[in-house]
């Protein structure tokens, strides 16, 4: 599987406050970004996989909502995570 427990711990450790910090917006955005990149690569090979395309759209929406939340709560944390992940806007 592309996302195992060790990979999640690594993502949470890098972008969250600790390896067990699964609830912070930064950790969730980082995890969503990893999943989005994986699904994007899958859709490049399987362009007629409509259920995956829908899942990708929903994930992008969830990430956008979390980023909007973070932007209105703490603009510096928002700017830091956008810069760290290389996201647009």
Protein backbone atom coordinates (compact mmCIF):
# COMPACT_ATOMS: atom_id res chain seq x y z
CA UNK A 1 0.00 0.00 0.00
CA UNK A 2 1.23 3.49 -0.77
CA UNK A 3 0.45 4.95 2.67
CA UNK A 4 1.40 2.81 5.64
CA UNK A 5 1.66 3.69 9.32
CA UNK A 6 5.37 4.52 9.09
CA UNK A 7 4.80 6.99 6.26
CA UNK A 8 2.00 8.66 8.22
CA UNK A 9 4.24 8.96 11.28
CA UNK A 10 6.94 10.54 9.11
CA UNK A 11 4.49 13.09 7.67
CA UNK A 12 3.07 13.93 11.10
CA UNK A 13 6.55 14.24 12.57
CA UNK A 14 7.71 16.55 9.82
CA UNK A 15 4.70 18.87 9.61
CA UNK A 16 2.93 18.38 12.96
CA UNK A 17 4.11 19.09 16.47
CA UNK A 18 5.11 15.45 17.07
CA UNK A 19 4.76 11.99 15.54
CA UNK A 20 1.43 11.51 17.29
CA UNK A 21 0.02 14.94 16.35
CA UNK A 22 -2.67 13.85 13.93
CA UNK A 23 -5.13 16.65 14.61
CA UNK A 24 -3.28 19.84 13.78
CA UNK A 25 -4.31 21.49 10.51
CA UNK A 26 -0.73 21.46 9.24
CA UNK A 27 -0.43 17.69 9.70
CA UNK A 28 -3.78 17.06 8.04
CA UNK A 29 -2.98 19.34 5.10
CA UNK A 30 0.36 17.57 4.62
CA UNK A 31 -1.33 14.16 4.67
CA UNK A 32 -4.01 15.32 2.22
CA UNK A 33 -1.30 16.73 -0.06
CA UNK A 34 0.53 13.40 -0.08
CA UNK A 35 -2.69 11.56 -0.93
CA UNK A 36 -3.58 14.11 -3.62
CA UNK A 37 -0.22 13.70 -5.32
CA UNK A 38 -0.62 9.91 -5.29
CA UNK A 39 -4.13 10.08 -6.78
CA UNK A 40 -2.97 12.57 -9.40
CA UNK A 41 -0.28 10.17 -10.56
CA UNK A 42 -2.85 7.35 -10.67
CA UNK A 43 -5.21 9.44 -12.79
CA UNK A 44 -2.46 10.29 -15.25
CA UNK A 45 -2.26 6.57 -16.05
CA UNK A 46 -5.97 5.74 -15.65
CA UNK A 47 -7.86 8.71 -16.97
CA UNK A 48 -11.24 6.94 -17.07
CA UNK A 49 -11.21 6.05 -13.38
CA UNK A 50 -14.10 8.32 -12.44
CA UNK A 51 -14.44 7.20 -8.83
CA UNK A 52 -10.83 8.12 -8.16
CA UNK A 53 -11.37 11.46 -9.89
CA UNK A 54 -14.29 12.16 -7.58
CA UNK A 55 -12.25 11.16 -4.53
CA UNK A 56 -9.47 13.48 -5.68
CA UNK A 57 -11.93 16.36 -6.04
CA UNK A 58 -13.28 15.74 -2.53
CA UNK A 59 -9.76 15.62 -1.07
CA UNK A 60 -8.81 18.89 -2.74
CA UNK A 61 -11.94 20.46 -1.25
CA UNK A 62 -11.11 19.18 2.22
CA UNK A 63 -7.57 20.50 1.97
CA UNK A 64 -8.84 23.87 0.76
CA UNK A 65 -11.28 24.07 3.69
CA UNK A 66 -8.51 23.31 6.18
CA UNK A 67 -6.24 25.89 4.58
CA UNK A 68 -9.03 28.50 4.72
CA UNK A 69 -9.56 27.68 8.40
CA UNK A 70 -5.85 28.03 9.09
CA UNK A 71 -5.66 31.26 7.11
CA UNK A 72 -8.35 32.94 9.19
CA UNK A 73 -6.97 31.61 12.51
CA UNK A 74 -3.23 32.18 12.09
CA UNK A 75 -1.88 33.66 8.86
CA UNK A 76 1.76 32.89 9.74
CA UNK A 77 1.10 29.16 10.17
CA UNK A 78 -0.85 29.24 6.89
CA UNK A 79 2.04 30.88 5.04
CA UNK A 80 4.53 28.44 6.55
CA UNK A 81 2.61 25.31 5.51
CA UNK A 82 1.91 26.65 2.01
CA UNK A 83 5.60 27.42 1.55
CA UNK A 84 6.73 24.08 3.02
CA UNK A 85 4.43 22.05 0.78
CA UNK A 86 4.89 24.24 -2.28
CA UNK A 87 1.18 24.86 -2.74
CA UNK A 88 -0.25 27.61 -4.91
CA UNK A 89 -2.05 30.43 -3.16
